[in-house]
Amino acid sequence: MDNDNNLTKSIISPPGDTLQEHLNFIGMKSNELAERLSLPQGKIDGLICGKEPINAELATKLEDELSIPSSFWINREKEYRQELLNSEGEV
């Protein structure tokens, strides 16, 4: 059962995956996004790997910079965190 739980966790996709895909699509590097958002590079790196959450303020900044609605980022974050909680309960 533990292997199933590990597999589930390995396929859960953080919002940062979507962010990285979009950055790749538009040809923007994460350091450029960090600079445009006036955030440290480490914050963007943490966001991309799912360690940093997307809050309302960051979602608004992403909307302003990337023209992707803040509601998308908030919902994506909420779904990701819920999937993590659900996968932890599946032991």
C-alpha atoms as a PDB file:
ATOM      1  CA  MET A   1       0.000   0.000   0.000  1.00  0.00           C
ATOM      2  CA  ASP A   2       2.900   2.339   0.743  1.00  0.00           C
ATOM      3  CA  ASN A   3       4.047   2.054  -2.892  1.00  0.00           C
ATOM      4  CA  ASP A   4       0.575   3.141  -4.054  1.00  0.00           C
ATOM      5  CA  ASN A   5       0.774   6.167  -1.767  1.00  0.00           C
ATOM      6  CA  ASN A   6       4.222   7.077  -3.088  1.00  0.00           C
ATOM      7  CA  LEU A   7       2.988   6.726  -6.665  1.00  0.00           C
ATOM      8  CA  THR A   8       0.013   8.985  -5.966  1.00  0.00           C
ATOM      9  CA  LYS A   9       2.287  11.630  -4.438  1.00  0.00           C
ATOM     10  CA  SER A  10       4.666  11.415  -7.387  1.00  0.00           C
ATOM     11  CA  ILE A  11       1.914  12.200  -9.912  1.00  0.00           C
ATOM     12  CA  ILE A  12       0.335  15.077  -7.990  1.00  0.00           C
ATOM     13  CA  SER A  13       1.196  18.194  -9.930  1.00  0.00           C
ATOM     14  CA  PRO A  14       1.858  21.468  -8.097  1.00  0.00           C
ATOM     15  CA  PRO A  15       0.706  24.763  -9.613  1.00  0.00           C
ATOM     16  CA  GLY A  16       4.371  25.444 -10.241  1.00  0.00           C
ATOM     17  CA  ASP A  17       4.323  22.780 -12.970  1.00  0.00           C
ATOM     18  CA  THR A  18       1.697  24.804 -14.791  1.00  0.00           C
ATOM     19  CA  LEU A  19       3.684  27.972 -14.200  1.00  0.00           C
ATOM     20  CA  GLN A  20       6.870  26.393 -15.583  1.00  0.00           C
ATOM     21  CA  GLU A  21       5.014  25.094 -18.639  1.00  0.00           C
ATOM     22  CA  HIS A  22       3.641  28.565 -19.307  1.00  0.00           C
ATOM     23  CA  LEU A  23       7.040  30.187 -18.845  1.00  0.00           C
ATOM     24  CA  ASN A  24       8.511  27.696 -21.314  1.00  0.00           C
ATOM     25  CA  PHE A  25       5.684  28.419 -23.747  1.00  0.00           C
ATOM     26  CA  ILE A  26       6.257  32.192 -23.668  1.00  0.00           C
ATOM     27  CA  GLY A  27      10.039  31.872 -23.546  1.00  0.00           C
ATOM     28  CA  MET A  28      10.522  33.474 -20.135  1.00  0.00           C
ATOM     29  CA  LYS A  29      13.079  32.251 -17.611  1.00  0.00           C
ATOM     30  CA  SER A  30      12.145  31.936 -13.952  1.00  0.00           C
ATOM     31  CA  ASN A  31      14.740  34.546 -12.980  1.00  0.00           C
ATOM     32  CA  GLU A  32      13.072  37.043 -15.321  1.00  0.00           C
ATOM     33  CA  LEU A  33       9.706  36.330 -13.707  1.00  0.00           C
ATOM     34  CA  ALA A  34      11.255  36.792 -10.261  1.00  0.00           C
ATOM     35  CA  GLU A  35      12.637  40.148 -11.330  1.00  0.00           C
ATOM     36  CA  ARG A  36       9.341  41.274 -12.878  1.00  0.00           C
ATOM     37  CA  LEU A  37       7.433  40.279  -9.737  1.00  0.00           C
ATOM     38  CA  SER A  38      10.071  41.789  -7.425  1.00  0.00           C
ATOM     39  CA  LEU A  39      10.502  38.449  -5.679  1.00  0.00           C
ATOM     40  CA  PRO A  40      13.624  36.502  -4.747  1.00  0.00           C
ATOM     41  CA  GLN A  41      14.610  33.746  -7.158  1.00  0.00           C
ATOM     42  CA  GLY A  42      14.294  31.236  -4.323  1.00  0.00           C
ATOM     43  CA  LYS A  43      10.610  32.093  -3.916  1.00  0.00           C
ATOM     44  CA  ILE A  44       9.966  31.356  -7.601  1.00  0.00           C
ATOM     45  CA  ASP A  45      12.015  28.148  -7.424  1.00  0.00           C
ATOM     46  CA  GLY A  46      10.003  27.059  -4.370  1.00  0.00           C
ATOM     47  CA  LEU A  47       6.779  27.877  -6.147  1.00  0.00           C
ATOM     48  CA  ILE A  48       7.739  25.862  -9.209  1.00  0.00           C
ATOM     49  CA  CYS A  49       8.614  22.771  -7.145  1.00  0.00           C
ATOM     50  CA  GLY A  50       5.492  23.055  -4.969  1.00  0.00           C
ATOM     51  CA  LYS A  51       7.153  24.072  -1.719  1.00  0.00           C
ATOM     52  CA  GLU A  52       5.880  27.660  -1.796  1.00  0.00           C
ATOM     53  CA  PRO A  53       2.109  28.206  -1.854  1.00  0.00           C
ATOM     54  CA  ILE A  54       0.328  30.668  -4.108  1.00  0.00           C
ATOM     55  CA  ASN A  55      -1.566  33.170  -2.000  1.00  0.00           C
ATOM     56  CA  ALA A  56      -3.996  35.851  -3.207  1.00  0.00           C
ATOM     57  CA  GLU A  57      -1.277  38.508  -3.478  1.00  0.00           C
ATOM     58  CA  LEU A  58       0.992  36.302  -5.574  1.00  0.00           C
ATOM     59  CA  ALA A  59      -1.943  35.140  -7.712  1.00  0.00           C
ATOM     60  CA  THR A  60      -2.718  38.785  -8.495  1.00  0.00           C
ATOM     61  CA  LYS A  61       0.905  39.455  -9.420  1.00  0.00           C
ATOM     62  CA  LEU A  62       0.912  36.412 -11.702  1.00  0.00           C
ATOM     63  CA  GLU A  63      -2.310  37.607 -13.318  1.00  0.00           C
ATOM     64  CA  ASP A  64      -0.851  41.061 -13.921  1.00  0.00           C
ATOM     65  CA  GLU A  65       2.353  39.668 -15.409  1.00  0.00           C
ATOM     66  CA  LEU A  66       1.127  36.588 -17.274  1.00  0.00           C
ATOM     67  CA  SER A  67      -2.508  37.487 -18.037  1.00  0.00           C
ATOM     68  CA  ILE A  68      -3.736  34.270 -16.423  1.00  0.00           C
ATOM     69  CA  PRO A  69      -6.593  35.014 -13.994  1.00  0.00           C
ATOM     70  CA  SER A  70      -5.734  35.029 -10.308  1.00  0.00           C
ATOM     71  CA  SER A  71      -8.725  32.739  -9.722  1.00  0.00           C
ATOM     72  CA  PHE A  72      -6.988  30.089 -11.845  1.00  0.00           C
ATOM     73  CA  TRP A  73      -3.879  30.209  -9.634  1.00  0.00           C
ATOM     74  CA  ILE A  74      -5.887  30.199  -6.394  1.00  0.00           C
ATOM     75  CA  ASN A  75      -7.985  27.238  -7.541  1.00  0.00           C
ATOM     76  CA  ARG A  76      -4.933  25.379  -8.817  1.00  0.00           C
ATOM     77  CA  GLU A  77      -3.221  25.868  -5.437  1.00  0.00           C
ATOM     78  CA  LYS A  78      -6.321  24.783  -3.519  1.00  0.00           C
ATOM     79  CA  GLU A  79      -6.698  21.617  -5.612  1.00  0.00           C
ATOM     80  CA  TYR A  80      -3.009  20.776  -5.221  1.00  0.00           C
ATOM     81  CA  ARG A  81      -3.044  21.157  -1.445  1.00  0.00           C
ATOM     82  CA  GLN A  82      -6.240  19.095  -1.215  1.00  0.00           C
ATOM     83  CA  GLU A  83      -4.679  16.329  -3.325  1.00  0.00           C
ATOM     84  CA  LEU A  84      -1.682  16.296  -0.983  1.00  0.00           C
ATOM     85  CA  LEU A  85      -3.949  15.984   2.049  1.00  0.00           C
ATOM     86  CA  ASN A  86      -5.949  13.210   0.416  1.00  0.00           C
ATOM     87  CA  SER A  87      -2.813  11.286  -0.551  1.00  0.00           C
ATOM     88  CA  GLU A  88      -1.521  11.468   3.036  1.00  0.00           C
ATOM     89  CA  GLY A  89      -4.771   9.944   4.257  1.00  0.00           C
ATOM     90  CA  GLU A  90      -4.476   6.982   1.879  1.00  0.00           C
ATOM     91  CA  VAL A  91      -2.280   4.698   3.943  1.00  0.00           C
END
